[in-house]
Each structure stands twice: as C-alpha cells, then as structure tokens.
C-alpha cells in the first residue's frame, strides 16, 4: 500500500497542472475542470495497478480525463448556447499586446471543428506526439497527422486573413 501511495503522489505532483490545463480547455470552466481532474485521479488511484509503464502515465491519465468528461454529458443534458471562452491568466505574461494575440489564437482554435481542435490541443497543450494522440483518440496515426496539418493550415489562413487588424488594437 505504501508503494502505491508514493507512486500515486508522484503522478499527482508531476501531472496535475497538465491535466488541469487540458480539462480547462475542454470545459472552459474552472470548477468543472477541478472536478474532472479530481475524478480522474480518483479513478487512477483505483486502477493504478494496471499502469505498467510509468512513461505512459500522462497519456493514460488524459484518456481517463477524456472519458470522465464524456461521462459528464451522459449523466446530464446541457442546453447549448453561445458562450465566451473564459480567459486563462498567464502569470508570466504582462505584455498586453501578447495577451491580445493569445486571446485571438484561443478564439480561432475554439472555432475549429472538434476533429481538428482536439488533436491540436493535445499536441500543443499536452505535448503529445502524433502516435500518442492517435492512441488516445483511437485513430490511425496518419489521420492524426493529417488533422494536425489541416488545423495548422486553418490557423495560418486565419492569420493571413487578418494581417492589418492584428497589432492595431492599441491605437
């Protein structure tokens, strides 16, 4: 039991912030994200003996988190409405212009179809490889790589469509 506890605490310490960031990206709600991460770690504790390769822990936990998020929708029917994405405050970012660009980027990614948005977020926020993303999403690696390519092209096209408006907001 003691080794399980040590192993579990090491997972929580190492991966809590990554899981929270991904949960927040999925939910756009701090409290729901905290609940998802907590439920993910609870399920991880119960199934910790099934984790054989410590290197796969992050991928394993992200998969649990995604399933927990899906369960949330199975239990409750939400009324879908337009929403403003909550702004994540980056403590390191004090530059207002950079914050405007970050918000612009978050808005563009949020408007992408989920099939492109999810692999991109897993790669950018989660730091996962194409192969890891393919495993998590139960897709072929080539499909994931194509979706990542298309997602980046959509962002590039959006950037090229707005060259004159970016950077002018401050006057």
C-alpha atoms as a PDB file:
ATOM      1  CA  UNK A   1       0.000   0.000   0.000  1.00  0.00           C
ATOM      2  CA  UNK A   2       2.846   2.399   0.827  1.00  0.00           C
ATOM      3  CA  UNK A   3       4.482   1.990  -2.581  1.00  0.00           C
ATOM      4  CA  UNK A   4       1.133   2.544  -4.292  1.00  0.00           C
ATOM      5  CA  UNK A   5       0.681   5.738  -2.274  1.00  0.00           C
ATOM      6  CA  UNK A   6       4.153   7.013  -3.198  1.00  0.00           C
ATOM      7  CA  UNK A   7       3.604   6.171  -6.863  1.00  0.00           C
ATOM      8  CA  UNK A   8       0.211   7.902  -6.830  1.00  0.00           C
ATOM      9  CA  UNK A   9       1.516  11.036  -5.127  1.00  0.00           C
ATOM     10  CA  UNK A  10       4.328  11.257  -7.674  1.00  0.00           C
ATOM     11  CA  UNK A  11       1.773  11.090 -10.523  1.00  0.00           C
ATOM     12  CA  UNK A  12      -0.380  13.789  -8.967  1.00  0.00           C
ATOM     13  CA  UNK A  13       2.576  16.070  -8.325  1.00  0.00           C
ATOM     14  CA  UNK A  14       4.045  15.618 -11.800  1.00  0.00           C
ATOM     15  CA  UNK A  15       0.887  15.751 -13.912  1.00  0.00           C
ATOM     16  CA  UNK A  16      -1.787  17.701 -12.031  1.00  0.00           C
ATOM     17  CA  UNK A  17      -1.161  21.001 -13.819  1.00  0.00           C
ATOM     18  CA  UNK A  18      -1.081  19.370 -17.274  1.00  0.00           C
ATOM     19  CA  UNK A  19      -4.379  17.596 -16.603  1.00  0.00           C
ATOM     20  CA  UNK A  20      -5.955  20.777 -15.282  1.00  0.00           C
ATOM     21  CA  UNK A  21      -4.888  22.757 -18.366  1.00  0.00           C
ATOM     22  CA  UNK A  22      -6.368  20.131 -20.658  1.00  0.00           C
ATOM     23  CA  UNK A  23      -9.567  19.876 -18.586  1.00  0.00           C
ATOM     24  CA  UNK A  24      -9.961  23.647 -18.680  1.00  0.00           C
ATOM     25  CA  UNK A  25      -9.519  23.634 -22.426  1.00  0.00           C
ATOM     26  CA  UNK A  26     -12.291  21.033 -22.703  1.00  0.00           C
ATOM     27  CA  UNK A  27     -14.749  22.624 -20.281  1.00  0.00           C
ATOM     28  CA  UNK A  28     -13.962  26.363 -20.189  1.00  0.00           C
ATOM     29  CA  UNK A  29     -14.957  26.258 -16.509  1.00  0.00           C
ATOM     30  CA  UNK A  30     -12.516  26.258 -13.604  1.00  0.00           C
ATOM     31  CA  UNK A  31     -14.730  24.396 -11.138  1.00  0.00           C
ATOM     32  CA  UNK A  32     -15.763  21.704 -13.606  1.00  0.00           C
ATOM     33  CA  UNK A  33     -12.107  21.326 -14.599  1.00  0.00           C
ATOM     34  CA  UNK A  34     -11.083  20.857 -10.970  1.00  0.00           C
ATOM     35  CA  UNK A  35     -13.847  18.262 -10.513  1.00  0.00           C
ATOM     36  CA  UNK A  36     -12.769  16.412 -13.663  1.00  0.00           C
ATOM     37  CA  UNK A  37      -9.144  16.315 -12.559  1.00  0.00           C
ATOM     38  CA  UNK A  38     -10.148  15.135  -9.092  1.00  0.00           C
ATOM     39  CA  UNK A  39     -12.364  12.383 -10.541  1.00  0.00           C
ATOM     40  CA  UNK A  40      -9.572  11.422 -12.948  1.00  0.00           C
ATOM     41  CA  UNK A  41      -7.108  10.981 -10.108  1.00  0.00           C
ATOM     42  CA  UNK A  42      -9.689   9.043  -8.081  1.00  0.00           C
ATOM     43  CA  UNK A  43     -10.160   6.596 -10.973  1.00  0.00           C
ATOM     44  CA  UNK A  44      -6.394   6.491 -11.458  1.00  0.00           C
ATOM     45  CA  UNK A  45      -5.934   5.510  -7.800  1.00  0.00           C
ATOM     46  CA  UNK A  46      -8.393   2.632  -8.205  1.00  0.00           C
ATOM     47  CA  UNK A  47      -6.679   1.389 -11.380  1.00  0.00           C
ATOM     48  CA  UNK A  48      -3.081   2.293 -10.567  1.00  0.00           C
ATOM     49  CA  UNK A  49      -2.000  -1.353 -10.590  1.00  0.00           C
ATOM     50  CA  UNK A  50      -2.997  -1.572 -14.265  1.00  0.00           C
ATOM     51  CA  UNK A  51      -0.433   1.095 -15.192  1.00  0.00           C
ATOM     52  CA  UNK A  52       2.627  -0.949 -16.095  1.00  0.00           C
ATOM     53  CA  UNK A  53       4.725   1.668 -17.912  1.00  0.00           C
ATOM     54  CA  UNK A  54       5.323   4.895 -15.989  1.00  0.00           C
ATOM     55  CA  UNK A  55       6.250   6.630 -19.262  1.00  0.00           C
ATOM     56  CA  UNK A  56       2.661   6.160 -20.434  1.00  0.00           C
ATOM     57  CA  UNK A  57       1.179   7.750 -17.295  1.00  0.00           C
ATOM     58  CA  UNK A  58       0.368  11.122 -18.871  1.00  0.00           C
ATOM     59  CA  UNK A  59      -1.355   9.545 -21.848  1.00  0.00           C
ATOM     60  CA  UNK A  60      -3.194   7.144 -19.540  1.00  0.00           C
ATOM     61  CA  UNK A  61      -4.447   9.974 -17.321  1.00  0.00           C
ATOM     62  CA  UNK A  62      -5.515  12.129 -20.297  1.00  0.00           C
ATOM     63  CA  UNK A  63      -7.534   9.180 -21.596  1.00  0.00           C
ATOM     64  CA  UNK A  64      -9.217   8.791 -18.200  1.00  0.00           C
ATOM     65  CA  UNK A  65      -9.936  12.540 -18.148  1.00  0.00           C
ATOM     66  CA  UNK A  66     -11.477  12.454 -21.632  1.00  0.00           C
ATOM     67  CA  UNK A  67     -13.719   9.564 -20.587  1.00  0.00           C
ATOM     68  CA  UNK A  68     -14.724  11.384 -17.410  1.00  0.00           C
ATOM     69  CA  UNK A  69     -15.642  14.414 -19.490  1.00  0.00           C
ATOM     70  CA  UNK A  70     -17.765  12.203 -21.766  1.00  0.00           C
ATOM     71  CA  UNK A  71     -19.496  10.687 -18.711  1.00  0.00           C
ATOM     72  CA  UNK A  72     -20.390  14.188 -17.606  1.00  0.00           C
ATOM     73  CA  UNK A  73     -22.509  14.572 -20.742  1.00  0.00           C
ATOM     74  CA  UNK A  74     -24.051  11.125 -20.385  1.00  0.00           C
ATOM     75  CA  UNK A  75     -25.320  11.963 -16.915  1.00  0.00           C
ATOM     76  CA  UNK A  76     -26.728  15.363 -17.688  1.00  0.00           C
ATOM     77  CA  UNK A  77     -28.189  17.045 -20.742  1.00  0.00           C
ATOM     78  CA  UNK A  78     -26.894  20.568 -21.192  1.00  0.00           C
ATOM     79  CA  UNK A  79     -28.603  23.321 -23.103  1.00  0.00           C
ATOM     80  CA  UNK A  80     -26.111  24.502 -25.665  1.00  0.00           C
ATOM     81  CA  UNK A  81     -25.790  28.232 -26.080  1.00  0.00           C
ATOM     82  CA  UNK A  82     -23.268  30.718 -27.335  1.00  0.00           C
ATOM     83  CA  UNK A  83     -20.523  31.355 -24.830  1.00  0.00           C
ATOM     84  CA  UNK A  84     -17.483  33.470 -24.403  1.00  0.00           C
ATOM     85  CA  UNK A  85     -14.375  31.453 -23.718  1.00  0.00           C
ATOM     86  CA  UNK A  86     -13.008  32.267 -20.276  1.00  0.00           C
ATOM     87  CA  UNK A  87      -9.617  33.871 -20.320  1.00  0.00           C
ATOM     88  CA  UNK A  88      -6.789  31.924 -18.719  1.00  0.00           C
ATOM     89  CA  UNK A  89      -4.494  34.363 -16.993  1.00  0.00           C
ATOM     90  CA  UNK A  90      -0.855  33.576 -17.642  1.00  0.00           C
ATOM     91  CA  UNK A  91       1.130  34.849 -14.704  1.00  0.00           C
ATOM     92  CA  UNK A  92       4.261  35.273 -16.815  1.00  0.00           C
ATOM     93  CA  UNK A  93       2.506  37.367 -19.440  1.00  0.00           C
ATOM     94  CA  UNK A  94       2.452  41.028 -18.554  1.00  0.00           C
ATOM     95  CA  UNK A  95       2.531  42.260 -22.118  1.00  0.00           C
ATOM     96  CA  UNK A  96      -0.972  43.447 -23.155  1.00  0.00           C
ATOM     97  CA  UNK A  97      -0.259  43.004 -26.859  1.00  0.00           C
ATOM     98  CA  UNK A  98       0.851  39.424 -26.291  1.00  0.00           C
ATOM     99  CA  UNK A  99      -2.315  38.779 -24.280  1.00  0.00           C
ATOM    100  CA  UNK A 100      -4.441  40.097 -27.154  1.00  0.00           C
ATOM    101  CA  UNK A 101      -2.639  37.775 -29.554  1.00  0.00           C
ATOM    102  CA  UNK A 102      -3.061  34.841 -27.162  1.00  0.00           C
ATOM    103  CA  UNK A 103      -6.791  35.534 -26.885  1.00  0.00           C
ATOM    104  CA  UNK A 104      -7.068  35.815 -30.670  1.00  0.00           C
ATOM    105  CA  UNK A 105      -5.340  32.442 -31.025  1.00  0.00           C
ATOM    106  CA  UNK A 106      -7.576  30.805 -28.385  1.00  0.00           C
ATOM    107  CA  UNK A 107     -10.655  32.162 -30.177  1.00  0.00           C
ATOM    108  CA  UNK A 108      -9.509  30.793 -33.544  1.00  0.00           C
ATOM    109  CA  UNK A 109      -8.739  27.372 -32.082  1.00  0.00           C
ATOM    110  CA  UNK A 110     -12.076  27.296 -30.230  1.00  0.00           C
ATOM    111  CA  UNK A 111     -13.922  27.893 -33.515  1.00  0.00           C
ATOM    112  CA  UNK A 112     -12.236  24.959 -35.263  1.00  0.00           C
ATOM    113  CA  UNK A 113     -14.211  21.759 -35.811  1.00  0.00           C
ATOM    114  CA  UNK A 114     -13.541  19.344 -32.947  1.00  0.00           C
ATOM    115  CA  UNK A 115     -11.856  16.820 -35.234  1.00  0.00           C
ATOM    116  CA  UNK A 116      -9.054  19.367 -35.809  1.00  0.00           C
ATOM    117  CA  UNK A 117      -9.176  21.199 -32.486  1.00  0.00           C
ATOM    118  CA  UNK A 118      -8.745  18.177 -30.211  1.00  0.00           C
ATOM    119  CA  UNK A 119      -5.536  16.775 -31.770  1.00  0.00           C
ATOM    120  CA  UNK A 120      -4.066  20.289 -31.954  1.00  0.00           C
ATOM    121  CA  UNK A 121      -4.801  20.969 -28.277  1.00  0.00           C
ATOM    122  CA  UNK A 122      -3.386  17.583 -27.269  1.00  0.00           C
ATOM    123  CA  UNK A 123      -0.210  18.362 -29.199  1.00  0.00           C
ATOM    124  CA  UNK A 124       0.207  21.998 -28.144  1.00  0.00           C
ATOM    125  CA  UNK A 125      -1.067  21.914 -24.554  1.00  0.00           C
ATOM    126  CA  UNK A 126      -0.470  18.260 -23.728  1.00  0.00           C
ATOM    127  CA  UNK A 127       2.817  17.929 -25.586  1.00  0.00           C
ATOM    128  CA  UNK A 128       1.825  14.566 -27.050  1.00  0.00           C
ATOM    129  CA  UNK A 129       3.289  13.056 -30.209  1.00  0.00           C
ATOM    130  CA  UNK A 130       1.149  12.114 -33.198  1.00  0.00           C
ATOM    131  CA  UNK A 131       1.394   8.461 -32.206  1.00  0.00           C
ATOM    132  CA  UNK A 132       0.253   9.145 -28.630  1.00  0.00           C
ATOM    133  CA  UNK A 133      -2.650  11.283 -29.870  1.00  0.00           C
ATOM    134  CA  UNK A 134      -3.669   8.515 -32.279  1.00  0.00           C
ATOM    135  CA  UNK A 135      -3.775   6.051 -29.382  1.00  0.00           C
ATOM    136  CA  UNK A 136      -5.782   8.397 -27.152  1.00  0.00           C
ATOM    137  CA  UNK A 137      -8.319   9.250 -29.852  1.00  0.00           C
ATOM    138  CA  UNK A 138      -8.436   5.692 -31.262  1.00  0.00           C
ATOM    139  CA  UNK A 139      -7.395   6.921 -34.686  1.00  0.00           C
ATOM    140  CA  UNK A 140      -4.793   5.990 -37.261  1.00  0.00           C
ATOM    141  CA  UNK A 141      -1.542   7.972 -36.853  1.00  0.00           C
ATOM    142  CA  UNK A 142      -1.800   9.219 -40.463  1.00  0.00           C
ATOM    143  CA  UNK A 143      -5.309  10.525 -39.757  1.00  0.00           C
ATOM    144  CA  UNK A 144      -3.999  12.430 -36.728  1.00  0.00           C
ATOM    145  CA  UNK A 145      -1.088  13.875 -38.695  1.00  0.00           C
ATOM    146  CA  UNK A 146      -3.455  14.990 -41.474  1.00  0.00           C
ATOM    147  CA  UNK A 147      -5.763  16.649 -38.956  1.00  0.00           C
ATOM    148  CA  UNK A 148      -2.844  18.417 -37.296  1.00  0.00           C
ATOM    149  CA  UNK A 149      -1.617  19.636 -40.683  1.00  0.00           C
ATOM    150  CA  UNK A 150      -5.087  20.937 -41.569  1.00  0.00           C
ATOM    151  CA  UNK A 151      -5.521  22.578 -38.160  1.00  0.00           C
ATOM    152  CA  UNK A 152      -2.219  24.439 -38.509  1.00  0.00           C
ATOM    153  CA  UNK A 153      -3.190  25.498 -42.036  1.00  0.00           C
ATOM    154  CA  UNK A 154      -6.512  26.839 -40.755  1.00  0.00           C
ATOM    155  CA  UNK A 155      -4.644  28.933 -38.187  1.00  0.00           C
ATOM    156  CA  UNK A 156      -2.187  30.112 -40.842  1.00  0.00           C
ATOM    157  CA  UNK A 157      -5.057  31.102 -43.163  1.00  0.00           C
ATOM    158  CA  UNK A 158      -6.807  32.942 -40.325  1.00  0.00           C
ATOM    159  CA  UNK A 159      -3.565  34.797 -39.585  1.00  0.00           C
ATOM    160  CA  UNK A 160      -3.150  35.781 -43.236  1.00  0.00           C
ATOM    161  CA  UNK A 161      -6.781  36.943 -43.446  1.00  0.00           C
ATOM    162  CA  UNK A 162      -6.312  39.438 -40.602  1.00  0.00           C
ATOM    163  CA  UNK A 163      -2.829  40.941 -41.018  1.00  0.00           C
ATOM    164  CA  UNK A 164      -3.955  44.539 -40.866  1.00  0.00           C
ATOM    165  CA  UNK A 165      -6.196  44.245 -37.794  1.00  0.00           C
ATOM    166  CA  UNK A 166      -3.712  42.418 -35.588  1.00  0.00           C
ATOM    167  CA  UNK A 167      -1.469  44.718 -33.595  1.00  0.00           C
ATOM    168  CA  UNK A 168      -3.612  47.825 -34.266  1.00  0.00           C
ATOM    169  CA  UNK A 169      -5.955  47.380 -31.285  1.00  0.00           C
ATOM    170  CA  UNK A 170      -3.772  49.563 -29.086  1.00  0.00           C
ATOM    171  CA  UNK A 171      -4.083  52.580 -31.275  1.00  0.00           C
END
